[in-house]
All heavy atoms as atom14 arrays in JSON, in Angstrom:
{
  "sequence": "EGAVPVGRADKYARAPVVETAEVAGEALVRVQPGAAEGAFALRAADVR",
  "atom14_mask": [
    [1, 1, 1, 1, 1, 1, 1, 1, 1, 0, 0, 0, 0, 0],
    [1, 1, 1, 1, 0, 0, 0, 0, 0, 0, 0, 0, 0, 0],
    [1, 1, 1, 1, 1, 0, 0, 0, 0, 0, 0, 0, 0, 0],
    [1, 1, 1, 1, 1, 1, 1, 0, 0, 0, 0, 0, 0, 0],
    [1, 1, 1, 1, 1, 1, 1, 0, 0, 0, 0, 0, 0, 0],
    [1, 1, 1, 1, 1, 1, 1, 0, 0, 0, 0, 0, 0, 0],
    [1, 1, 1, 1, 0, 0, 0, 0, 0, 0, 0, 0, 0, 0],
    [1, 1, 1, 1, 1, 1, 1, 1, 1, 1, 1, 0, 0, 0],
    [1, 1, 1, 1, 1, 0, 0, 0, 0, 0, 0, 0, 0, 0],
    [1, 1, 1, 1, 1, 1, 1, 1, 0, 0, 0, 0, 0, 0],
    [1, 1, 1, 1, 1, 1, 1, 1, 1, 0, 0, 0, 0, 0],
    [1, 1, 1, 1, 1, 1, 1, 1, 1, 1, 1, 1, 0, 0],
    [1, 1, 1, 1, 1, 0, 0, 0, 0, 0, 0, 0, 0, 0],
    [1, 1, 1, 1, 1, 1, 1, 1, 1, 1, 1, 0, 0, 0],
    [1, 1, 1, 1, 1, 0, 0, 0, 0, 0, 0, 0, 0, 0],
    [1, 1, 1, 1, 1, 1, 1, 0, 0, 0, 0, 0, 0, 0],
    [1, 1, 1, 1, 1, 1, 1, 0, 0, 0, 0, 0, 0, 0],
    [1, 1, 1, 1, 1, 1, 1, 0, 0, 0, 0, 0, 0, 0],
    [1, 1, 1, 1, 1, 1, 1, 1, 1, 0, 0, 0, 0, 0],
    [1, 1, 1, 1, 1, 1, 1, 0, 0, 0, 0, 0, 0, 0],
    [1, 1, 1, 1, 1, 0, 0, 0, 0, 0, 0, 0, 0, 0],
    [1, 1, 1, 1, 1, 1, 1, 1, 1, 0, 0, 0, 0, 0],
    [1, 1, 1, 1, 1, 1, 1, 0, 0, 0, 0, 0, 0, 0],
    [1, 1, 1, 1, 1, 0, 0, 0, 0, 0, 0, 0, 0, 0],
    [1, 1, 1, 1, 0, 0, 0, 0, 0, 0, 0, 0, 0, 0],
    [1, 1, 1, 1, 1, 1, 1, 1, 1, 0, 0, 0, 0, 0],
    [1, 1, 1, 1, 1, 0, 0, 0, 0, 0, 0, 0, 0, 0],
    [1, 1, 1, 1, 1, 1, 1, 1, 0, 0, 0, 0, 0, 0],
    [1, 1, 1, 1, 1, 1, 1, 0, 0, 0, 0, 0, 0, 0],
    [1, 1, 1, 1, 1, 1, 1, 1, 1, 1, 1, 0, 0, 0],
    [1, 1, 1, 1, 1, 1, 1, 0, 0, 0, 0, 0, 0, 0],
    [1, 1, 1, 1, 1, 1, 1, 1, 1, 0, 0, 0, 0, 0],
    [1, 1, 1, 1, 1, 1, 1, 0, 0, 0, 0, 0, 0, 0],
    [1, 1, 1, 1, 0, 0, 0, 0, 0, 0, 0, 0, 0, 0],
    [1, 1, 1, 1, 1, 0, 0, 0, 0, 0, 0, 0, 0, 0],
    [1, 1, 1, 1, 1, 0, 0, 0, 0, 0, 0, 0, 0, 0],
    [1, 1, 1, 1, 1, 1, 1, 1, 1, 0, 0, 0, 0, 0],
    [1, 1, 1, 1, 0, 0, 0, 0, 0, 0, 0, 0, 0, 0],
    [1, 1, 1, 1, 1, 0, 0, 0, 0, 0, 0, 0, 0, 0],
    [1, 1, 1, 1, 1, 1, 1, 1, 1, 1, 1, 0, 0, 0],
    [1, 1, 1, 1, 1, 0, 0, 0, 0, 0, 0, 0, 0, 0],
    [1, 1, 1, 1, 1, 1, 1, 1, 0, 0, 0, 0, 0, 0],
    [1, 1, 1, 1, 1, 1, 1, 1, 1, 1, 1, 0, 0, 0],
    [1, 1, 1, 1, 1, 0, 0, 0, 0, 0, 0, 0, 0, 0],
    [1, 1, 1, 1, 1, 0, 0, 0, 0, 0, 0, 0, 0, 0],
    [1, 1, 1, 1, 1, 1, 1, 1, 0, 0, 0, 0, 0, 0],
    [1, 1, 1, 1, 1, 1, 1, 0, 0, 0, 0, 0, 0, 0],
    [1, 1, 1, 1, 1, 1, 1, 1, 1, 1, 1, 0, 0, 0]
  ],
  "atom14_positions": [
    [[97.41, 68.65, 60.97], [97.58, 69.28, 59.66], [98.49, 70.51, 59.72], [99.01, 70.95, 58.71], [96.21, 69.69, 59.11], [95.24, 68.54, 58.93], [95.65, 67.62, 57.81], [96.11, 68.12, 56.77], [95.53, 66.4, 57.99], [0.0, 0.0, 0.0], [0.0, 0.0, 0.0], [0.0, 0.0, 0.0], [0.0, 0.0, 0.0], [0.0, 0.0, 0.0]],
    [[98.59, 71.1, 60.91], [99.38, 72.32, 61.03], [98.73, 73.29, 62.0], [98.12, 72.88, 63.0], [0.0, 0.0, 0.0], [0.0, 0.0, 0.0], [0.0, 0.0, 0.0], [0.0, 0.0, 0.0], [0.0, 0.0, 0.0], [0.0, 0.0, 0.0], [0.0, 0.0, 0.0], [0.0, 0.0, 0.0], [0.0, 0.0, 0.0], [0.0, 0.0, 0.0]],
    [[98.82, 74.58, 61.72], [98.27, 75.63, 62.58], [96.94, 76.11, 62.0], [96.87, 76.53, 60.85], [99.25, 76.79, 62.7], [0.0, 0.0, 0.0], [0.0, 0.0, 0.0], [0.0, 0.0, 0.0], [0.0, 0.0, 0.0], [0.0, 0.0, 0.0], [0.0, 0.0, 0.0], [0.0, 0.0, 0.0], [0.0, 0.0, 0.0], [0.0, 0.0, 0.0]],
    [[95.87, 76.06, 62.82], [94.53, 76.41, 62.37], [94.08, 77.69, 63.07], [94.07, 77.74, 64.31], [93.53, 75.28, 62.67], [92.12, 75.67, 62.19], [93.99, 73.99, 62.02], [0.0, 0.0, 0.0], [0.0, 0.0, 0.0], [0.0, 0.0, 0.0], [0.0, 0.0, 0.0], [0.0, 0.0, 0.0], [0.0, 0.0, 0.0], [0.0, 0.0, 0.0]],
    [[93.71, 78.74, 62.33], [93.23, 79.97, 62.97], [91.9, 79.74, 63.69], [91.0, 79.09, 63.16], [93.05, 80.94, 61.8], [93.86, 80.37, 60.68], [93.82, 78.88, 60.86], [0.0, 0.0, 0.0], [0.0, 0.0, 0.0], [0.0, 0.0, 0.0], [0.0, 0.0, 0.0], [0.0, 0.0, 0.0], [0.0, 0.0, 0.0], [0.0, 0.0, 0.0]],
    [[91.79, 80.27, 64.92], [90.55, 80.15, 65.69], [90.06, 81.51, 66.19], [89.07, 81.59, 66.89], [90.74, 79.2, 66.89], [90.97, 77.78, 66.41], [91.88, 79.67, 67.79], [0.0, 0.0, 0.0], [0.0, 0.0, 0.0], [0.0, 0.0, 0.0], [0.0, 0.0, 0.0], [0.0, 0.0, 0.0], [0.0, 0.0, 0.0], [0.0, 0.0, 0.0]],
    [[90.73, 82.57, 65.84], [90.33, 83.89, 66.3], [91.5, 84.85, 66.19], [92.49, 84.57, 65.51], [0.0, 0.0, 0.0], [0.0, 0.0, 0.0], [0.0, 0.0, 0.0], [0.0, 0.0, 0.0], [0.0, 0.0, 0.0], [0.0, 0.0, 0.0], [0.0, 0.0, 0.0], [0.0, 0.0, 0.0], [0.0, 0.0, 0.0], [0.0, 0.0, 0.0]],
    [[91.36, 85.98, 66.86], [92.42, 87.0, 66.85], [92.76, 87.42, 68.27], [91.89, 87.45, 69.15], [92.01, 88.21, 66.01], [91.83, 87.86, 64.54], [91.78, 89.09, 63.65], [91.59, 88.72, 62.26], [92.56, 88.37, 61.43], [93.81, 88.32, 61.87], [92.3, 88.04, 60.18], [0.0, 0.0, 0.0], [0.0, 0.0, 0.0], [0.0, 0.0, 0.0]],
    [[94.0, 87.72, 68.47], [94.48, 88.19, 69.78], [94.47, 89.7, 69.82], [94.77, 90.37, 68.82], [95.88, 87.67, 70.05], [0.0, 0.0, 0.0], [0.0, 0.0, 0.0], [0.0, 0.0, 0.0], [0.0, 0.0, 0.0], [0.0, 0.0, 0.0], [0.0, 0.0, 0.0], [0.0, 0.0, 0.0], [0.0, 0.0, 0.0], [0.0, 0.0, 0.0]],
    [[94.09, 90.26, 70.96], [94.12, 91.71, 71.11], [95.56, 92.22, 71.06], [96.48, 91.56, 71.56], [93.52, 92.12, 72.46], [92.02, 91.87, 72.52], [91.38, 91.82, 71.46], [91.5, 91.72, 73.65], [0.0, 0.0, 0.0], [0.0, 0.0, 0.0], [0.0, 0.0, 0.0], [0.0, 0.0, 0.0], [0.0, 0.0, 0.0], [0.0, 0.0, 0.0]],
    [[95.73, 93.39, 70.47], [97.04, 94.04, 70.54], [97.38, 94.29, 72.0], [96.54, 94.73, 72.79], [97.02, 95.36, 69.77], [98.37, 96.05, 69.72], [98.32, 97.35, 68.93], [99.69, 98.02, 68.88], [99.67, 99.3, 68.13], [0.0, 0.0, 0.0], [0.0, 0.0, 0.0], [0.0, 0.0, 0.0], [0.0, 0.0, 0.0], [0.0, 0.0, 0.0]],
    [[98.58, 93.98, 72.38], [99.15, 94.11, 73.71], [98.7, 93.02, 74.68], [99.03, 93.08, 75.88], [98.89, 95.5, 74.31], [99.53, 96.62, 73.51], [98.85, 97.82, 73.3], [100.79, 96.48, 72.96], [99.43, 98.85, 72.56], [101.38, 97.5, 72.22], [100.69, 98.68, 72.03], [101.25, 99.69, 71.29], [0.0, 0.0, 0.0], [0.0, 0.0, 0.0]],
    [[97.96, 92.02, 74.2], [97.71, 90.86, 75.06], [99.03, 90.19, 75.37], [100.0, 90.28, 74.6], [96.77, 89.89, 74.35], [0.0, 0.0, 0.0], [0.0, 0.0, 0.0], [0.0, 0.0, 0.0], [0.0, 0.0, 0.0], [0.0, 0.0, 0.0], [0.0, 0.0, 0.0], [0.0, 0.0, 0.0], [0.0, 0.0, 0.0], [0.0, 0.0, 0.0]],
    [[99.11, 89.5, 76.49], [100.35, 88.82, 76.88], [100.02, 87.49, 77.51], [98.95, 87.28, 78.07], [101.16, 89.69, 77.83], [100.45, 90.02, 79.13], [101.37, 90.81, 80.06], [100.75, 91.08, 81.34], [100.18, 92.24, 81.65], [100.14, 93.22, 80.77], [99.64, 92.42, 82.85], [0.0, 0.0, 0.0], [0.0, 0.0, 0.0], [0.0, 0.0, 0.0]],
    [[100.98, 86.56, 77.42], [100.8, 85.22, 77.98], [102.16, 84.55, 78.12], [103.08, 84.8, 77.33], [99.89, 84.39, 77.08], [0.0, 0.0, 0.0], [0.0, 0.0, 0.0], [0.0, 0.0, 0.0], [0.0, 0.0, 0.0], [0.0, 0.0, 0.0], [0.0, 0.0, 0.0], [0.0, 0.0, 0.0], [0.0, 0.0, 0.0], [0.0, 0.0, 0.0]],
    [[102.31, 83.68, 79.13], [103.56, 82.93, 79.28], [103.81, 82.02, 78.08], [102.88, 81.47, 77.5], [103.33, 82.1, 80.55], [102.23, 82.81, 81.28], [101.37, 83.41, 80.23], [0.0, 0.0, 0.0], [0.0, 0.0, 0.0], [0.0, 0.0, 0.0], [0.0, 0.0, 0.0], [0.0, 0.0, 0.0], [0.0, 0.0, 0.0], [0.0, 0.0, 0.0]],
    [[105.07, 81.88, 77.72], [105.46, 81.06, 76.58], [105.65, 79.61, 77.03], [106.35, 79.34, 78.01], [106.75, 81.59, 75.94], [107.24, 80.65, 74.84], [106.51, 82.99, 75.37], [0.0, 0.0, 0.0], [0.0, 0.0, 0.0], [0.0, 0.0, 0.0], [0.0, 0.0, 0.0], [0.0, 0.0, 0.0], [0.0, 0.0, 0.0], [0.0, 0.0, 0.0]],
    [[105.01, 78.67, 76.3], [105.18, 77.25, 76.56], [106.39, 76.71, 75.8], [107.24, 76.02, 76.34], [103.91, 76.47, 76.18], [104.12, 74.97, 76.36], [102.72, 76.95, 77.01], [0.0, 0.0, 0.0], [0.0, 0.0, 0.0], [0.0, 0.0, 0.0], [0.0, 0.0, 0.0], [0.0, 0.0, 0.0], [0.0, 0.0, 0.0], [0.0, 0.0, 0.0]],
    [[106.45, 77.06, 74.51], [107.57, 76.63, 73.68], [107.54, 77.41, 72.37], [106.54, 78.05, 72.04], [107.48, 75.13, 73.37], [106.27, 74.76, 72.51], [106.26, 73.29, 72.11], [107.26, 72.6, 72.39], [105.27, 72.86, 71.52], [0.0, 0.0, 0.0], [0.0, 0.0, 0.0], [0.0, 0.0, 0.0], [0.0, 0.0, 0.0], [0.0, 0.0, 0.0]],
    [[108.62, 77.37, 71.65], [108.65, 77.88, 70.28], [108.77, 76.68, 69.35], [109.35, 75.65, 69.7], [109.84, 78.84, 70.07], [111.05, 78.16, 70.37], [109.7, 80.06, 70.96], [0.0, 0.0, 0.0], [0.0, 0.0, 0.0], [0.0, 0.0, 0.0], [0.0, 0.0, 0.0], [0.0, 0.0, 0.0], [0.0, 0.0, 0.0], [0.0, 0.0, 0.0]],
    [[108.18, 76.8, 68.17], [108.17, 75.67, 67.24], [108.11, 76.2, 65.82], [107.79, 77.37, 65.58], [106.97, 74.76, 67.53], [0.0, 0.0, 0.0], [0.0, 0.0, 0.0], [0.0, 0.0, 0.0], [0.0, 0.0, 0.0], [0.0, 0.0, 0.0], [0.0, 0.0, 0.0], [0.0, 0.0, 0.0], [0.0, 0.0, 0.0], [0.0, 0.0, 0.0]],
    [[108.41, 75.32, 64.89], [108.26, 75.64, 63.48], [107.28, 74.64, 62.88], [107.46, 73.43, 62.98], [109.6, 75.58, 62.75], [109.52, 76.05, 61.3], [110.87, 76.16, 60.64], [111.75, 76.86, 61.2], [111.05, 75.54, 59.58], [0.0, 0.0, 0.0], [0.0, 0.0, 0.0], [0.0, 0.0, 0.0], [0.0, 0.0, 0.0], [0.0, 0.0, 0.0]],
    [[106.21, 75.17, 62.29], [105.17, 74.34, 61.69], [105.0, 74.76, 60.24], [104.74, 75.93, 59.95], [103.84, 74.48, 62.46], [102.73, 73.67, 61.77], [104.0, 74.03, 63.91], [0.0, 0.0, 0.0], [0.0, 0.0, 0.0], [0.0, 0.0, 0.0], [0.0, 0.0, 0.0], [0.0, 0.0, 0.0], [0.0, 0.0, 0.0], [0.0, 0.0, 0.0]],
    [[105.17, 73.82, 59.34], [105.05, 74.08, 57.91], [105.94, 75.24, 57.49], [105.55, 76.1, 56.69], [103.59, 74.35, 57.53], [0.0, 0.0, 0.0], [0.0, 0.0, 0.0], [0.0, 0.0, 0.0], [0.0, 0.0, 0.0], [0.0, 0.0, 0.0], [0.0, 0.0, 0.0], [0.0, 0.0, 0.0], [0.0, 0.0, 0.0], [0.0, 0.0, 0.0]],
    [[107.13, 75.29, 58.07], [108.1, 76.32, 57.71], [107.85, 77.67, 58.33], [108.53, 78.65, 58.01], [0.0, 0.0, 0.0], [0.0, 0.0, 0.0], [0.0, 0.0, 0.0], [0.0, 0.0, 0.0], [0.0, 0.0, 0.0], [0.0, 0.0, 0.0], [0.0, 0.0, 0.0], [0.0, 0.0, 0.0], [0.0, 0.0, 0.0], [0.0, 0.0, 0.0]],
    [[106.87, 77.77, 59.27], [106.54, 79.05, 59.89], [106.86, 79.01, 61.38], [106.5, 78.05, 62.08], [105.05, 79.35, 59.69], [104.65, 80.73, 60.13], [103.23, 81.07, 59.7], [102.34, 80.21, 59.81], [103.02, 82.22, 59.26], [0.0, 0.0, 0.0], [0.0, 0.0, 0.0], [0.0, 0.0, 0.0], [0.0, 0.0, 0.0], [0.0, 0.0, 0.0]],
    [[107.55, 80.03, 61.88], [107.93, 80.1, 63.29], [106.71, 80.49, 64.12], [106.04, 81.49, 63.85], [109.04, 81.11, 63.49], [0.0, 0.0, 0.0], [0.0, 0.0, 0.0], [0.0, 0.0, 0.0], [0.0, 0.0, 0.0], [0.0, 0.0, 0.0], [0.0, 0.0, 0.0], [0.0, 0.0, 0.0], [0.0, 0.0, 0.0], [0.0, 0.0, 0.0]],
    [[106.43, 79.69, 65.15], [105.3, 79.92, 66.02], [105.75, 79.97, 67.48], [106.79, 79.42, 67.84], [104.25, 78.8, 65.88], [103.66, 78.57, 64.48], [102.69, 77.4, 64.51], [102.97, 79.83, 63.95], [0.0, 0.0, 0.0], [0.0, 0.0, 0.0], [0.0, 0.0, 0.0], [0.0, 0.0, 0.0], [0.0, 0.0, 0.0], [0.0, 0.0, 0.0]],
    [[104.95, 80.64, 68.29], [105.16, 80.69, 69.73], [103.91, 80.15, 70.39], [102.82, 80.71, 70.22], [105.44, 82.13, 70.21], [105.54, 82.18, 71.73], [106.71, 82.67, 69.57], [0.0, 0.0, 0.0], [0.0, 0.0, 0.0], [0.0, 0.0, 0.0], [0.0, 0.0, 0.0], [0.0, 0.0, 0.0], [0.0, 0.0, 0.0], [0.0, 0.0, 0.0]],
    [[104.04, 79.04, 71.12], [102.89, 78.48, 71.85], [102.82, 79.16, 73.21], [103.83, 79.31, 73.91], [103.02, 76.97, 72.02], [102.93, 76.2, 70.7], [102.96, 74.7, 70.93], [101.76, 74.23, 71.6], [101.75, 73.34, 72.58], [102.89, 72.86, 73.06], [100.6, 72.94, 73.12], [0.0, 0.0, 0.0], [0.0, 0.0, 0.0], [0.0, 0.0, 0.0]],
    [[101.61, 79.6, 73.58], [101.42, 80.34, 74.81], [100.32, 79.69, 75.64], [99.45, 79.0, 75.11], [101.07, 81.82, 74.54], [102.21, 82.52, 73.82], [99.77, 81.94, 73.74], [0.0, 0.0, 0.0], [0.0, 0.0, 0.0], [0.0, 0.0, 0.0], [0.0, 0.0, 0.0], [0.0, 0.0, 0.0], [0.0, 0.0, 0.0], [0.0, 0.0, 0.0]],
    [[100.36, 79.96, 76.93], [99.34, 79.49, 77.87], [98.58, 80.71, 78.37], [99.01, 81.39, 79.3], [100.0, 78.76, 79.05], [99.01, 78.23, 80.08], [98.2, 77.06, 79.56], [98.75, 76.1, 79.06], [96.89, 77.15, 79.66], [0.0, 0.0, 0.0], [0.0, 0.0, 0.0], [0.0, 0.0, 0.0], [0.0, 0.0, 0.0], [0.0, 0.0, 0.0]],
    [[97.43, 81.05, 77.76], [96.75, 82.3, 78.11], [96.08, 82.28, 79.46], [95.8, 83.33, 80.03], [95.73, 82.46, 76.99], [95.48, 81.08, 76.5], [96.77, 80.33, 76.66], [0.0, 0.0, 0.0], [0.0, 0.0, 0.0], [0.0, 0.0, 0.0], [0.0, 0.0, 0.0], [0.0, 0.0, 0.0], [0.0, 0.0, 0.0], [0.0, 0.0, 0.0]],
    [[95.75, 81.11, 80.0], [95.07, 81.05, 81.29], [95.13, 79.65, 81.86], [95.76, 78.75, 81.3], [0.0, 0.0, 0.0], [0.0, 0.0, 0.0], [0.0, 0.0, 0.0], [0.0, 0.0, 0.0], [0.0, 0.0, 0.0], [0.0, 0.0, 0.0], [0.0, 0.0, 0.0], [0.0, 0.0, 0.0], [0.0, 0.0, 0.0], [0.0, 0.0, 0.0]],
    [[94.45, 79.47, 82.97], [94.54, 78.19, 83.66], [93.56, 77.16, 83.1], [93.63, 75.99, 83.44], [94.27, 78.4, 85.15], [0.0, 0.0, 0.0], [0.0, 0.0, 0.0], [0.0, 0.0, 0.0], [0.0, 0.0, 0.0], [0.0, 0.0, 0.0], [0.0, 0.0, 0.0], [0.0, 0.0, 0.0], [0.0, 0.0, 0.0], [0.0, 0.0, 0.0]],
    [[92.62, 77.59, 82.24], [91.51, 76.71, 81.86], [91.89, 75.72, 80.75], [91.76, 74.52, 80.91], [90.31, 77.54, 81.43], [0.0, 0.0, 0.0], [0.0, 0.0, 0.0], [0.0, 0.0, 0.0], [0.0, 0.0, 0.0], [0.0, 0.0, 0.0], [0.0, 0.0, 0.0], [0.0, 0.0, 0.0], [0.0, 0.0, 0.0], [0.0, 0.0, 0.0]],
    [[92.36, 76.23, 79.63], [92.53, 75.4, 78.44], [94.0, 75.15, 78.14], [94.9, 75.69, 78.8], [91.86, 76.07, 77.24], [90.36, 76.35, 77.44], [89.54, 75.07, 77.53], [90.01, 74.04, 77.01], [88.44, 75.09, 78.11], [0.0, 0.0, 0.0], [0.0, 0.0, 0.0], [0.0, 0.0, 0.0], [0.0, 0.0, 0.0], [0.0, 0.0, 0.0]],
    [[94.23, 74.32, 77.11], [95.59, 74.07, 76.65], [96.17, 75.27, 75.93], [95.53, 76.32, 75.8], [0.0, 0.0, 0.0], [0.0, 0.0, 0.0], [0.0, 0.0, 0.0], [0.0, 0.0, 0.0], [0.0, 0.0, 0.0], [0.0, 0.0, 0.0], [0.0, 0.0, 0.0], [0.0, 0.0, 0.0], [0.0, 0.0, 0.0], [0.0, 0.0, 0.0]],
    [[97.37, 75.1, 75.45], [98.1, 76.2, 74.84], [97.55, 76.54, 73.46], [97.08, 75.69, 72.72], [99.57, 75.85, 74.74], [0.0, 0.0, 0.0], [0.0, 0.0, 0.0], [0.0, 0.0, 0.0], [0.0, 0.0, 0.0], [0.0, 0.0, 0.0], [0.0, 0.0, 0.0], [0.0, 0.0, 0.0], [0.0, 0.0, 0.0], [0.0, 0.0, 0.0]],
    [[97.62, 77.81, 73.14], [97.37, 78.33, 71.8], [98.71, 78.68, 71.19], [99.75, 78.6, 71.84], [96.46, 79.55, 71.84], [95.05, 79.26, 72.25], [94.67, 79.3, 73.58], [94.08, 78.94, 71.29], [93.36, 79.03, 73.96], [92.78, 78.67, 71.66], [92.42, 78.71, 73.0], [0.0, 0.0, 0.0], [0.0, 0.0, 0.0], [0.0, 0.0, 0.0]],
    [[98.68, 79.12, 69.94], [99.91, 79.54, 69.28], [99.7, 80.88, 68.59], [98.58, 81.23, 68.2], [100.35, 78.49, 68.25], [0.0, 0.0, 0.0], [0.0, 0.0, 0.0], [0.0, 0.0, 0.0], [0.0, 0.0, 0.0], [0.0, 0.0, 0.0], [0.0, 0.0, 0.0], [0.0, 0.0, 0.0], [0.0, 0.0, 0.0], [0.0, 0.0, 0.0]],
    [[100.78, 81.61, 68.45], [100.81, 82.88, 67.73], [102.01, 82.84, 66.79], [103.02, 82.19, 67.07], [100.95, 84.06, 68.7], [99.78, 84.32, 69.63], [100.25, 85.05, 70.87], [98.7, 85.13, 68.91], [0.0, 0.0, 0.0], [0.0, 0.0, 0.0], [0.0, 0.0, 0.0], [0.0, 0.0, 0.0], [0.0, 0.0, 0.0], [0.0, 0.0, 0.0]],
    [[101.9, 83.55, 65.7], [103.06, 83.65, 64.8], [104.14, 84.47, 65.5], [103.88, 85.51, 66.09], [102.65, 84.29, 63.48], [101.73, 83.4, 62.65], [101.43, 84.01, 61.29], [100.68, 83.05, 60.47], [99.35, 82.95, 60.48], [98.63, 83.74, 61.26], [98.76, 82.04, 59.72], [0.0, 0.0, 0.0], [0.0, 0.0, 0.0], [0.0, 0.0, 0.0]],
    [[105.36, 83.99, 65.39], [106.48, 84.68, 66.04], [106.61, 86.12, 65.54], [107.05, 86.99, 66.29], [107.77, 83.91, 65.79], [0.0, 0.0, 0.0], [0.0, 0.0, 0.0], [0.0, 0.0, 0.0], [0.0, 0.0, 0.0], [0.0, 0.0, 0.0], [0.0, 0.0, 0.0], [0.0, 0.0, 0.0], [0.0, 0.0, 0.0], [0.0, 0.0, 0.0]],
    [[106.21, 86.37, 64.31], [106.3, 87.73, 63.76], [105.32, 88.7, 64.41], [105.46, 89.91, 64.26], [106.06, 87.69, 62.25], [0.0, 0.0, 0.0], [0.0, 0.0, 0.0], [0.0, 0.0, 0.0], [0.0, 0.0, 0.0], [0.0, 0.0, 0.0], [0.0, 0.0, 0.0], [0.0, 0.0, 0.0], [0.0, 0.0, 0.0], [0.0, 0.0, 0.0]],
    [[104.31, 88.19, 65.14], [103.29, 89.04, 65.75], [103.56, 89.34, 67.21], [102.79, 90.09, 67.84], [101.91, 88.39, 65.62], [101.42, 88.32, 64.18], [101.8, 89.2, 63.39], [100.65, 87.4, 63.86], [0.0, 0.0, 0.0], [0.0, 0.0, 0.0], [0.0, 0.0, 0.0], [0.0, 0.0, 0.0], [0.0, 0.0, 0.0], [0.0, 0.0, 0.0]],
    [[104.61, 88.74, 67.78], [104.84, 88.9, 69.21], [106.29, 89.31, 69.48], [107.17, 89.12, 68.65], [104.53, 87.6, 70.0], [103.08, 87.2, 69.82], [105.47, 86.47, 69.6], [0.0, 0.0, 0.0], [0.0, 0.0, 0.0], [0.0, 0.0, 0.0], [0.0, 0.0, 0.0], [0.0, 0.0, 0.0], [0.0, 0.0, 0.0], [0.0, 0.0, 0.0]],
    [[106.47, 89.89, 70.65], [107.8, 90.14, 71.2], [107.9, 89.32, 72.49], [106.97, 89.35, 73.31], [108.01, 91.61, 71.51], [107.89, 92.54, 70.31], [108.96, 92.3, 69.29], [109.08, 93.41, 68.35], [109.81, 93.38, 67.25], [110.51, 92.28, 66.96], [109.88, 94.41, 66.44], [0.0, 0.0, 0.0], [0.0, 0.0, 0.0], [0.0, 0.0, 0.0]]
  ]
}
């Protein structure tokens, strides 16, 4: 369906980038926060 919110990221959290994508007209950055689970996504406007 698109991008579903599942929580909030701490300010200054960091993670390796898997890919950048556009979903429903919104720029997203998919990240791999750790070794356990699959990638999450963040809005490109919220990250550097």
